[in-house]
Protein backbone atom coordinates (compact mmCIF):
# COMPACT_ATOMS: atom_id res chain seq x y z
CA MET A 1 16.40 -8.08 -24.42
CA ALA A 2 13.72 -9.08 -26.89
CA LEU A 3 11.34 -6.58 -25.25
CA GLY A 4 13.95 -3.85 -25.62
CA THR A 5 14.58 -4.84 -29.21
CA ILE A 6 10.83 -4.87 -29.92
CA ALA A 7 10.57 -1.31 -28.58
CA SER A 8 13.60 -0.31 -30.65
CA ARG A 9 12.38 -1.94 -33.84
CA ALA A 10 8.79 -0.76 -33.38
CA THR A 11 9.96 2.84 -33.20
CA GLY A 12 12.37 2.07 -36.05
CA PHE A 13 9.38 0.87 -38.05
CA LEU A 14 7.60 4.18 -37.33
CA ARG A 15 10.81 6.00 -38.26
CA THR A 16 10.84 4.28 -41.67
CA ILE A 17 7.23 5.32 -42.24
CA ALA A 18 8.00 8.90 -41.17
CA VAL A 19 10.92 9.18 -43.61
CA ALA A 20 8.82 7.67 -46.42
CA VAL A 21 5.92 10.05 -45.76
CA ALA A 22 8.29 13.04 -45.70
CA LEU A 23 10.48 12.19 -48.71
CA GLY A 24 8.68 9.58 -50.83
CA THR A 25 10.50 7.23 -53.17
CA GLY A 26 11.92 9.81 -55.58
CA ALA A 27 15.36 11.36 -55.99
CA VAL A 28 15.44 13.22 -52.63
CA GLY A 29 14.57 10.03 -50.77
CA GLU A 30 17.19 8.18 -52.79
CA ALA A 31 19.94 10.74 -51.98
CA TYR A 32 19.02 10.65 -48.28
CA ASN A 33 18.92 6.86 -48.21
CA VAL A 34 22.26 6.40 -49.99
CA ALA A 35 24.05 8.98 -47.81
CA ASN A 36 22.56 7.66 -44.56
CA THR A 37 23.21 4.04 -45.47
CA ILE A 38 26.99 4.57 -45.56
CA PRO A 39 27.31 5.23 -41.77
CA ASN A 40 24.46 2.80 -41.15
CA ILE A 41 26.56 0.04 -42.70
CA VAL A 42 29.06 0.77 -39.94
CA TYR A 43 26.15 0.49 -37.47
CA ASP A 44 25.15 -2.90 -38.86
CA LEU A 45 28.72 -4.15 -38.69
CA LEU A 46 29.32 -2.86 -35.16
CA ILE A 47 25.99 -3.09 -33.33
CA GLY A 48 24.54 -5.75 -35.57
CA GLY A 49 27.38 -7.99 -34.63
CA ILE A 50 30.58 -8.24 -36.59
CA LEU A 51 33.03 -6.02 -34.70
CA THR A 52 31.16 -6.67 -31.45
CA SER A 53 31.53 -10.37 -32.12
CA VAL A 54 35.28 -9.87 -32.47
CA VAL A 55 35.52 -7.73 -29.33
CA VAL A 56 33.35 -9.76 -26.94
CA PRO A 57 35.48 -12.95 -26.93
CA VAL A 58 38.64 -10.86 -26.33
CA LEU A 59 36.94 -8.95 -23.50
CA VAL A 60 35.80 -12.23 -21.95
CA ARG A 61 39.35 -13.56 -21.98
CA ALA A 62 40.73 -10.30 -20.53
CA SER A 63 38.12 -10.35 -17.75
CA LYS A 64 39.34 -13.83 -16.78
CA GLU A 65 43.08 -13.29 -17.12
CA ASP A 66 43.76 -9.64 -16.16
CA PRO A 67 44.16 -8.77 -12.45
CA ASP A 68 41.75 -5.80 -12.77
CA GLY A 69 39.07 -7.87 -14.49
CA GLY A 70 39.87 -6.36 -17.89
CA ASP A 71 39.03 -2.71 -17.03
CA ARG A 72 42.30 -1.24 -18.34
CA PHE A 73 42.00 -3.24 -21.53
CA ALA A 74 38.39 -2.09 -22.03
CA SER A 75 39.44 1.56 -21.60
CA SER A 76 42.24 1.13 -24.14
CA LEU A 77 39.82 -0.47 -26.57
CA LEU A 78 37.38 2.41 -26.18
CA THR A 79 40.16 4.97 -26.72
CA LEU A 80 41.35 3.16 -29.84
CA MET A 81 37.81 3.12 -31.24
CA ILE A 82 37.42 6.87 -30.68
CA LEU A 83 40.73 7.66 -32.39
CA LEU A 84 40.28 5.35 -35.38
CA LEU A 85 36.68 6.20 -36.15
CA GLY A 86 37.19 9.88 -35.40
CA GLY A 87 39.89 9.97 -38.07
CA ALA A 88 37.67 7.99 -40.44
CA ALA A 89 34.81 10.46 -39.92
CA VAL A 90 36.99 13.49 -40.72
CA LEU A 91 38.41 11.73 -43.78
CA GLY A 92 34.91 10.78 -44.91
CA MET A 93 33.70 14.38 -44.68
CA ILE A 94 36.63 15.56 -46.79
CA LEU A 95 36.21 12.81 -49.39
CA ALA A 96 32.41 12.86 -49.44
CA PRO A 97 32.19 13.64 -53.21
CA GLN A 98 34.46 10.71 -54.03
CA ILE A 99 32.55 8.39 -51.65
CA VAL A 100 29.10 9.21 -53.02
CA ALA A 101 30.10 9.15 -56.71
CA PRO A 102 30.31 5.33 -57.04
CA TYR A 103 26.89 4.88 -55.42
CA ILE A 104 25.04 7.51 -57.48
CA GLY A 105 26.60 7.03 -60.88
CA HIS A 106 24.98 9.95 -62.70
CA PRO A 107 26.39 13.40 -61.78
CA GLY A 108 23.93 16.17 -61.01
CA PRO A 109 21.80 17.60 -58.20
CA GLU A 110 20.94 14.17 -56.71
CA ARG A 111 24.61 13.35 -56.21
CA ASP A 112 25.29 16.87 -54.88
CA LEU A 113 22.52 16.48 -52.29
CA GLY A 114 23.91 13.08 -51.31
CA VAL A 115 27.37 14.63 -50.76
CA GLU A 116 25.94 17.41 -48.59
CA MET A 117 23.98 14.95 -46.48
CA LEU A 118 26.91 12.55 -46.12
CA ARG A 119 29.00 15.31 -44.57
CA TRP A 120 26.31 15.67 -41.91
CA PHE A 121 26.09 11.89 -41.43
CA MET A 122 29.78 10.88 -41.21
CA PRO A 123 30.17 11.89 -37.49
CA GLN A 124 27.61 9.19 -36.74
CA ILE A 125 30.25 6.48 -37.16
CA VAL A 126 32.18 7.77 -34.12
CA CYS A 127 29.05 7.44 -31.99
CA TYR A 128 28.31 4.02 -33.46
CA GLY A 129 31.84 2.83 -32.61
CA ILE A 130 31.66 4.15 -29.05
CA GLY A 131 28.19 2.66 -28.60
CA ALA A 132 29.27 -0.73 -29.97
CA THR A 133 32.27 -0.90 -27.64
CA ILE A 134 30.21 0.18 -24.63
CA GLY A 135 27.62 -2.45 -25.55
CA ALA A 136 30.31 -5.14 -25.65
CA ILE A 137 31.65 -4.02 -22.24
CA LEU A 138 28.13 -4.15 -20.79
CA ASN A 139 27.39 -7.57 -22.31
CA VAL A 140 30.54 -9.11 -20.80
CA ARG A 141 29.42 -7.76 -17.40
CA GLY A 142 25.98 -9.33 -17.80
CA SER A 143 24.08 -6.13 -18.71
CA PHE A 144 22.10 -6.49 -21.94
CA ALA A 145 19.06 -4.20 -21.70
CA ALA A 146 20.48 -0.71 -22.32
CA PRO A 147 22.00 -1.38 -25.79
CA MET A 148 18.62 -2.81 -26.82
CA PHE A 149 16.55 0.14 -25.55
CA THR A 150 18.71 3.17 -26.41
CA PRO A 151 18.06 3.01 -30.19
CA VAL A 152 14.51 4.08 -29.29
CA LEU A 153 15.90 7.59 -28.62
CA ASN A 154 17.52 7.65 -32.05
CA ASN A 155 14.30 6.60 -33.73
CA LEU A 156 12.19 9.13 -31.82
CA ALA A 157 14.62 11.92 -32.76
CA VAL A 158 14.35 11.04 -36.46
CA ILE A 159 10.55 10.81 -36.24
CA ALA A 160 10.46 14.26 -34.62
CA THR A 161 12.79 15.53 -37.36
CA CYS A 162 10.52 14.19 -40.11
CA VAL A 163 7.45 15.73 -38.43
CA ALA A 164 9.21 19.10 -38.25
CA PHE A 165 10.42 18.69 -41.84
CA THR A 166 6.91 17.90 -43.10
CA TYR A 167 4.66 20.13 -41.00
CA VAL A 168 6.76 22.90 -39.37
CA ILE A 169 9.65 23.95 -41.62
CA SER A 170 8.57 25.97 -44.63
CA GLY A 171 9.41 24.47 -48.00
CA PRO A 172 8.04 22.36 -50.85
CA ARG A 173 6.25 19.09 -50.04
CA PRO A 174 7.15 16.54 -51.16
CA PRO A 175 10.57 17.98 -51.97
CA GLN A 176 12.30 17.35 -55.27
CA ILE A 177 15.87 17.57 -56.51
CA ASP A 178 15.19 20.37 -59.01
CA GLY A 179 12.34 22.38 -60.45
CA PRO A 180 9.76 24.45 -58.56
CA LYS A 181 9.76 22.05 -55.57
CA THR A 182 13.53 21.91 -55.04
CA ILE A 183 14.47 21.05 -51.44
CA THR A 184 15.67 24.14 -49.53
CA ASN A 185 18.90 24.53 -47.56
CA THR A 186 16.89 24.83 -44.33
CA GLN A 187 15.07 21.58 -45.05
CA THR A 188 18.38 19.83 -45.75
CA VAL A 189 19.95 21.07 -42.51
CA VAL A 190 16.92 20.09 -40.41
CA LEU A 191 16.68 16.63 -42.01
CA ALA A 192 20.39 15.77 -41.91
CA GLY A 193 21.15 17.43 -38.57
CA GLY A 194 18.17 15.82 -36.84
CA THR A 195 19.16 12.39 -38.14
CA THR A 196 22.69 12.71 -36.72
CA LEU A 197 21.42 14.16 -33.42
CA GLY A 198 19.45 10.95 -32.86
CA VAL A 199 22.64 8.86 -33.03
CA VAL A 200 24.38 11.18 -30.56
CA LEU A 201 21.51 10.85 -28.07
CA MET A 202 21.52 7.05 -28.43
CA THR A 203 25.22 6.89 -27.51
CA ILE A 204 25.02 9.30 -24.56
CA ALA A 205 22.15 7.28 -23.09
CA LEU A 206 24.48 4.28 -22.64
CA LEU A 207 26.81 6.06 -20.21
CA PRO A 208 24.69 5.61 -17.02
CA SER A 209 24.67 1.84 -17.57
CA LEU A 210 28.48 1.81 -17.63
CA ARG A 211 28.56 3.40 -14.18
CA LYS A 212 25.89 1.00 -12.96
CA VAL A 213 28.05 -2.05 -13.75
CA GLY A 214 31.03 -0.42 -12.02
CA PHE A 215 33.11 0.44 -15.08
CA ARG A 216 34.98 3.76 -15.06
CA TYR A 217 36.55 4.88 -18.31
CA ARG A 218 40.12 6.16 -18.02
CA PRO A 219 41.65 7.58 -21.23
CA ARG A 220 44.58 5.32 -22.03
CA LEU A 221 45.99 3.47 -25.00
CA ASP A 222 48.04 0.44 -24.05
CA LEU A 223 49.01 -0.91 -27.45
CA SER A 224 51.23 -3.52 -25.77
CA HIS A 225 48.29 -5.35 -24.18
CA PRO A 226 48.04 -8.79 -25.85
CA GLY A 227 44.24 -8.54 -25.92
CA LEU A 228 44.37 -5.29 -27.87
CA ARG A 229 46.82 -6.72 -30.35
CA ASN A 230 44.63 -9.80 -30.69
CA ALA A 231 41.52 -7.65 -31.22
CA MET A 232 43.30 -5.65 -33.93
CA ARG A 233 44.45 -8.87 -35.61
CA LEU A 234 40.94 -10.29 -35.55
CA ALA A 235 39.47 -7.01 -36.77
CA GLY A 236 41.88 -6.99 -39.71
CA TRP A 237 39.93 -9.73 -41.46
CA THR A 238 36.71 -7.89 -40.66
CA VAL A 239 38.07 -4.74 -42.29
CA LEU A 240 38.81 -6.76 -45.43
CA TRP A 241 35.25 -8.01 -45.46
CA VAL A 242 33.95 -4.45 -44.90
CA ILE A 243 35.87 -3.27 -47.96
CA VAL A 244 34.52 -6.09 -50.12
CA SER A 245 30.98 -5.64 -48.81
CA GLN A 246 31.19 -1.93 -49.66
CA LEU A 247 32.22 -2.80 -53.21
CA GLY A 248 29.25 -5.16 -53.39
CA TYR A 249 26.96 -2.49 -52.00
CA VAL A 250 28.21 -0.09 -54.69
CA VAL A 251 27.13 -2.55 -57.40
CA ILE A 252 23.71 -3.12 -55.80
CA THR A 253 23.18 0.63 -55.36
CA ARG A 254 24.22 1.41 -58.93
CA LEU A 255 21.81 -1.24 -60.23
CA SER A 256 18.96 0.16 -58.10
CA THR A 257 19.59 3.88 -58.65
CA ALA A 258 19.80 3.32 -62.42
CA VAL A 259 16.01 2.80 -62.44
CA THR A 260 15.07 4.70 -59.22
CA ALA A 261 14.49 1.46 -57.29
CA ASN A 262 16.91 2.07 -54.43
CA VAL A 263 14.35 3.41 -51.96
CA ILE A 264 11.88 0.61 -52.76
CA TYR A 265 14.63 -1.98 -52.22
CA ALA A 266 15.74 -0.29 -48.98
CA TYR A 267 12.23 -0.11 -47.47
CA GLY A 268 11.56 -3.74 -48.37
CA TYR A 269 14.85 -4.74 -46.72
CA GLN A 270 14.08 -2.76 -43.55
CA LEU A 271 10.74 -4.53 -43.09
CA PHE A 272 12.35 -7.89 -43.86
CA GLN A 273 14.96 -7.41 -41.13
CA LEU A 274 12.47 -6.73 -38.33
CA PRO A 275 11.96 -10.38 -37.23
CA TYR A 276 15.70 -11.11 -37.27
CA ALA A 277 16.47 -7.90 -35.39
CA ILE A 278 13.95 -8.72 -32.67
CA ILE A 279 14.66 -12.43 -32.26
CA GLY A 280 17.99 -13.22 -33.88
CA VAL A 281 19.99 -10.29 -32.48
CA SER A 282 18.60 -10.90 -28.98
CA VAL A 283 19.55 -14.58 -29.10
CA ILE A 284 23.01 -13.81 -30.50
CA THR A 285 23.73 -11.11 -27.92
CA ALA A 286 22.85 -13.42 -25.02
CA LEU A 287 24.58 -16.42 -26.60
CA LEU A 288 27.96 -14.97 -27.53
CA PRO A 289 29.51 -14.36 -24.06
CA ARG A 290 28.51 -17.85 -22.89
CA MET A 291 29.65 -19.50 -26.12
CA SER A 292 32.94 -17.55 -25.98
CA ALA A 293 33.55 -18.80 -22.43
CA HIS A 294 32.88 -22.41 -23.49
CA ALA A 295 35.16 -22.01 -26.53
CA ALA A 296 37.93 -20.50 -24.36
CA ASP A 297 37.67 -23.53 -22.06
CA GLY A 298 37.83 -25.91 -25.02
CA LYS A 299 34.36 -27.37 -24.32
CA ARG A 300 33.34 -28.20 -27.87
CA ALA A 301 30.21 -30.16 -26.86
CA LEU A 302 28.86 -27.16 -24.94
CA VAL A 303 29.54 -24.85 -27.89
CA LEU A 304 27.55 -27.21 -30.11
CA ASP A 305 24.76 -27.31 -27.54
CA ASP A 306 24.70 -23.49 -27.40
CA LEU A 307 24.43 -23.27 -31.18
CA SER A 308 21.73 -25.94 -31.41
CA THR A 309 19.63 -24.29 -28.70
CA ALA A 310 19.97 -20.82 -30.26
CA THR A 311 19.09 -22.14 -33.73
CA ARG A 312 16.00 -24.02 -32.60
CA LEU A 313 14.73 -21.15 -30.44
CA SER A 314 15.26 -18.69 -33.30
CA LEU A 315 13.47 -20.90 -35.82
CA THR A 316 10.31 -21.04 -33.69
CA ALA A 317 9.84 -17.29 -34.28
CA ILE A 318 11.71 -16.67 -37.56
CA VAL A 319 9.90 -19.30 -39.66
CA PRO A 320 6.36 -18.02 -38.90
CA ALA A 321 7.52 -14.44 -39.53
CA ALA A 322 8.98 -15.41 -42.92
CA LEU A 323 5.85 -17.23 -44.06
CA PHE A 324 3.47 -14.48 -42.91
CA LEU A 325 5.60 -11.80 -44.62
CA LEU A 326 5.60 -13.90 -47.78
CA ALA A 327 1.82 -14.28 -47.63
CA LEU A 328 0.93 -10.68 -46.71
CA GLY A 329 3.81 -8.67 -48.21
CA ARG A 330 1.78 -6.51 -50.58
CA PRO A 331 -1.07 -5.51 -48.20
CA ILE A 332 1.44 -4.89 -45.39
CA ALA A 333 3.45 -2.48 -47.56
CA VAL A 334 0.39 -0.63 -48.85
CA ALA A 335 -1.00 -0.28 -45.31
CA VAL A 336 2.35 0.96 -44.00
CA PHE A 337 3.68 3.15 -46.81
CA ASN A 338 0.75 4.39 -48.90
CA HIS A 339 0.72 7.77 -47.14
CA GLY A 340 2.04 11.25 -47.83
CA ALA A 341 4.67 11.25 -50.58
CA VAL A 342 4.45 7.48 -51.32
CA GLU A 343 2.05 6.62 -54.12
CA HIS A 344 0.06 3.36 -54.31
CA ASP A 345 2.17 1.82 -57.10
CA SER A 346 5.38 2.45 -55.14
CA ALA A 347 3.85 0.85 -52.03
CA VAL A 348 2.85 -2.21 -54.08
CA ALA A 349 6.42 -2.48 -55.39
CA ILE A 350 7.74 -2.36 -51.80
CA GLY A 351 5.33 -5.15 -50.87
CA ASP A 352 6.45 -7.38 -53.73
CA THR A 353 10.08 -6.75 -52.76
CA LEU A 354 9.27 -7.62 -49.14
CA SER A 355 7.74 -10.95 -50.21
CA ALA A 356 10.85 -11.71 -52.25
CA PHE A 357 13.07 -10.90 -49.26
CA ALA A 358 10.96 -13.08 -46.93
CA VAL A 359 12.30 -16.23 -48.56
CA ALA A 360 15.79 -15.33 -47.26
CA LEU A 361 14.77 -14.73 -43.65
CA VAL A 362 15.52 -18.25 -42.38
CA PRO A 363 18.87 -18.80 -44.17
CA PHE A 364 19.98 -15.23 -43.34
CA SER A 365 19.18 -15.60 -39.63
CA VAL A 366 20.74 -19.05 -39.22
CA PHE A 367 23.80 -17.91 -41.18
CA GLN A 368 24.32 -15.04 -38.71
CA LEU A 369 24.13 -17.51 -35.80
CA HIS A 370 26.70 -19.76 -37.44
CA LEU A 371 29.18 -16.90 -37.82
CA ARG A 372 29.17 -16.35 -34.04
CA VAL A 373 30.65 -19.80 -33.47
CA PHE A 374 33.76 -18.77 -35.40
CA TYR A 375 33.99 -15.47 -33.53
CA ALA A 376 33.60 -17.31 -30.22
CA HIS A 377 36.75 -19.23 -31.15
CA GLN A 378 38.46 -15.89 -31.96
CA ASP A 379 38.49 -16.85 -35.63
CA SER A 380 37.56 -13.82 -37.75
CA ARG A 381 39.32 -15.12 -40.87
CA THR A 382 36.81 -17.86 -41.71
CA PRO A 383 33.61 -15.78 -41.38
CA SER A 384 35.22 -12.91 -43.30
CA LEU A 385 36.14 -15.20 -46.20
CA VAL A 386 32.68 -16.77 -46.17
CA ASN A 387 31.06 -13.33 -46.17
CA ILE A 388 33.24 -12.27 -49.09
CA GLY A 389 31.90 -15.31 -50.94
CA VAL A 390 28.33 -14.31 -50.05
CA VAL A 391 28.92 -10.80 -51.43
CA ALA A 392 30.38 -12.23 -54.65
CA VAL A 393 27.44 -14.61 -55.19
CA ASN A 394 24.95 -11.83 -54.35
CA VAL A 395 26.55 -9.43 -56.85
CA LEU A 396 26.74 -12.01 -59.65
CA ALA A 397 23.12 -13.03 -59.09
CA ALA A 398 22.04 -9.36 -58.92
CA VAL A 399 23.68 -8.54 -62.26
CA ALA A 400 22.21 -11.63 -63.90
CA LEU A 401 18.68 -11.17 -62.55
CA SER A 402 18.71 -7.44 -63.32
CA HIS A 403 19.23 -8.31 -66.97
CA LEU A 404 16.70 -11.14 -66.97
CA LEU A 405 13.84 -9.26 -65.27
CA PRO A 406 12.32 -6.03 -66.63
CA PRO A 407 13.50 -2.70 -65.10
CA GLU A 408 10.24 -2.16 -63.20
CA HIS A 409 11.03 -5.32 -61.21
CA ARG A 410 14.62 -4.31 -60.39
CA ALA A 411 14.06 -4.22 -56.61
CA ILE A 412 12.57 -7.74 -56.72
CA ALA A 413 15.56 -8.96 -58.75
CA LEU A 414 17.97 -7.58 -56.16
CA ALA A 415 15.99 -9.16 -53.30
CA LEU A 416 16.08 -12.56 -55.03
CA ALA A 417 19.84 -12.17 -55.53
CA PHE A 418 20.15 -11.53 -51.78
CA ASN A 419 18.38 -14.88 -51.23
CA VAL A 420 20.83 -16.71 -53.47
CA GLY A 421 23.85 -15.20 -51.69
CA TYR A 422 22.81 -16.13 -48.16
CA LEU A 423 21.55 -19.58 -49.09
CA ALA A 424 24.99 -20.30 -50.57
CA GLY A 425 26.66 -18.88 -47.44
CA LEU A 426 24.54 -21.07 -45.16
CA CYS A 427 25.53 -24.20 -47.06
CA VAL A 428 29.21 -23.31 -46.61
CA THR A 429 28.95 -22.57 -42.85
CA ILE A 430 27.08 -25.84 -42.25
CA ALA A 431 29.90 -27.79 -43.90
CA LEU A 432 32.63 -25.90 -42.02
CA LEU A 433 30.97 -26.11 -38.61
CA ARG A 434 30.20 -29.80 -38.98
CA ARG A 435 33.93 -30.42 -39.25
CA ARG A 436 34.84 -28.00 -36.45
CA LEU A 437 32.23 -29.13 -33.92
CA GLY A 438 31.97 -32.78 -34.92
CA GLY A 439 28.33 -32.42 -35.92
CA MET A 440 25.45 -29.91 -36.11
CA ASP A 441 22.68 -31.63 -34.11
CA GLY A 442 20.93 -31.77 -37.47
CA ASP A 443 18.17 -34.20 -36.50
CA ARG A 444 16.74 -31.95 -33.78
CA VAL A 445 17.15 -28.76 -35.82
CA ILE A 446 15.49 -30.24 -38.92
CA ALA A 447 12.67 -31.73 -36.84
CA THR A 448 11.98 -28.33 -35.26
CA LEU A 449 12.16 -26.60 -38.65
CA ALA A 450 9.76 -29.07 -40.28
CA ARG A 451 7.13 -28.93 -37.52
CA ILE A 452 7.24 -25.14 -37.21
CA SER A 453 7.00 -24.80 -41.01
CA VAL A 454 3.88 -26.97 -41.16
CA ALA A 455 2.14 -25.07 -38.36
CA ALA A 456 3.17 -21.66 -39.69
CA GLY A 457 2.30 -22.65 -43.25
CA ILE A 458 -1.27 -23.47 -42.22
CA GLY A 459 -1.66 -20.11 -40.48
CA ALA A 460 -0.02 -18.12 -43.28
CA ALA A 461 -2.13 -19.81 -45.97
CA ALA A 462 -5.32 -18.99 -44.06
CA ALA A 463 -4.17 -15.38 -43.56
CA SER A 464 -3.36 -15.04 -47.26
CA ALA A 465 -6.75 -16.42 -48.34
CA VAL A 466 -8.64 -14.08 -46.00
CA ALA A 467 -6.53 -11.07 -47.03
CA HIS A 468 -7.00 -11.81 -50.73
CA GLY A 469 -10.77 -12.11 -50.33
CA LEU A 470 -11.07 -8.87 -48.37
CA ARG A 471 -8.99 -6.92 -50.89
CA ASP A 472 -11.24 -8.20 -53.68
CA VAL A 473 -14.23 -6.79 -51.80
CA LEU A 474 -12.78 -3.59 -50.29
CA GLY A 475 -10.16 -2.79 -52.93
CA ASP A 476 -6.37 -2.84 -52.72
CA GLY A 477 -5.99 0.69 -51.38
CA LEU A 478 -5.05 1.80 -47.90
CA LEU A 479 -8.32 0.81 -46.20
CA GLY A 480 -8.64 -2.54 -47.96
CA SER A 481 -4.99 -3.45 -47.31
CA PHE A 482 -5.06 -2.45 -43.65
CA THR A 483 -8.24 -4.45 -43.08
CA ALA A 484 -6.80 -7.42 -44.96
CA VAL A 485 -3.65 -7.46 -42.82
CA PHE A 486 -5.55 -7.03 -39.56
CA VAL A 487 -8.24 -9.65 -40.22
CA GLY A 488 -5.78 -12.01 -41.93
CA ALA A 489 -3.50 -11.93 -38.90
CA LEU A 490 -6.51 -12.29 -36.61
CA VAL A 491 -7.37 -15.54 -38.39
CA GLY A 492 -3.90 -16.88 -39.23
CA LEU A 493 -2.01 -16.27 -35.98
CA PRO A 494 -4.46 -18.10 -33.65
CA LEU A 495 -4.56 -20.95 -36.15
CA PHE A 496 -0.75 -21.14 -36.07
CA VAL A 497 -0.62 -20.93 -32.26
CA GLY A 498 -3.29 -23.62 -31.89
CA THR A 499 -1.55 -25.95 -34.35
CA VAL A 500 1.91 -25.48 -32.87
CA THR A 501 0.57 -25.98 -29.33
CA ARG A 502 -1.06 -29.28 -30.27
CA MET A 503 2.22 -30.43 -31.80
CA GLY A 504 3.93 -30.06 -28.41
CA ILE A 505 7.19 -28.65 -29.81
CA PRO A 506 9.70 -28.41 -26.89
CA GLU A 507 11.19 -25.09 -28.08
CA VAL A 508 7.74 -23.48 -28.13
CA ARG A 509 7.10 -24.65 -24.57
CA ALA A 510 10.52 -23.31 -23.52
CA LEU A 511 9.85 -19.90 -25.05
CA THR A 512 6.39 -19.77 -23.47
CA ARG A 513 7.81 -20.57 -20.03
CA MET A 514 10.55 -17.96 -20.42
CA VAL A 515 8.10 -15.22 -21.44
CA SER A 516 5.55 -16.12 -18.71
CA ARG A 517 8.25 -16.10 -16.04
CA ARG A 518 9.46 -12.72 -17.20
CA PHE A 519 5.97 -11.18 -17.04
CA ARG A 520 5.22 -12.76 -13.65
CA ARG A 521 8.50 -11.38 -12.34
CA GLY A 522 7.68 -7.94 -13.79
């Protein structure tokens, strides 16, 4: 699963670069990003875990209790998802002007372009819902690879779209909202249509895996099934959280678009999420069915053991990633983004935002793991209320920091507010889970965290020193930054690996054995 996620996120990384090169960080990029983020929020909630986390425990119970192994229930669930999200997509296309208006506060051509693009993007949520439900069905049947690999098709489609937009389709480059370089209708159709086509391809590619695990979809809607009613009840709290999170996202977007910092904030966030997406999502996806089964059987000690193992394994990869991103944020961003329509100053701003986000990587990742314990117990109320609290703290901190820091540092202010929100959320989940599980295996988790932090800190400090020295000599442009990242990693990573190996951390040995066995088997 991690290999599939690496392939997905690597192409996603290239996709981000392709969009940045094609559109830059100006108003066109901002309109595209805001419009595309609205259905992508649905993607994060569904694929990234929330609705899937609600559905998987119910599917596990149905597979144990229903005579047909839960097939009829799964078909009903899939039908319900198609109907609900299909209606939401049509409604979103009709109300696109009203949806975009709160995000882009100032009326004008930027908002108009965002509305046009959103109408192209809204059908994506139907595909995301179908894909999320299929992924849950596959996970319960022990098939994890396909949902991890199929996003590669989506990313490749968007990359091809950006290449066509930049080098094939006639029109101004880089495009602007108005003036002599105004984006053309053809460019808009190619960009928006190609982006949505990628999501369609990603969903269709899941269908062969359904047949492989023996599931046959039969259109039906059995609203009387207790599992379906339970899923809808659990999802109700999630819907409440979605509404609140959207309100929070409106505030963050308004703060960022007020000073044209939205794209910088978004690109910094996308780079920040890579380590969690590769490690955390893989661990969560494998963990949830097993943890749900243990919770259904009332085996609290095994649930705690599942959580402890997942946390410690995640920390061995997440902590080094956070420290290296913190140390090399600026040269990474310049090396990645200082191409095409992205100027050097904008790339530097993305790098500073990335470093600010890096501080949140550990609390954000562990917080997401903690939420899955509640979902495993079919409790969506508690995580929804905690997430609402996280959104509230994030928004309050964002407003405060946006007034305290100068406008040119708005993206950094919003990233720091994100840190505050998830650190507060982690403190709350630790307290709640300690009561629910009778402990958190804190001694082993803290010991792993401390030892990994020391080893990773040594490597990251060395990488930072080397990178800083090379940029002083070669300059802080594209060549100097790329060389600094490459040589810094070449020095820092072996130093980290050597230090952590000498420490003899059990989780590192376990991960090494797992990876070596996988490659020997392959």
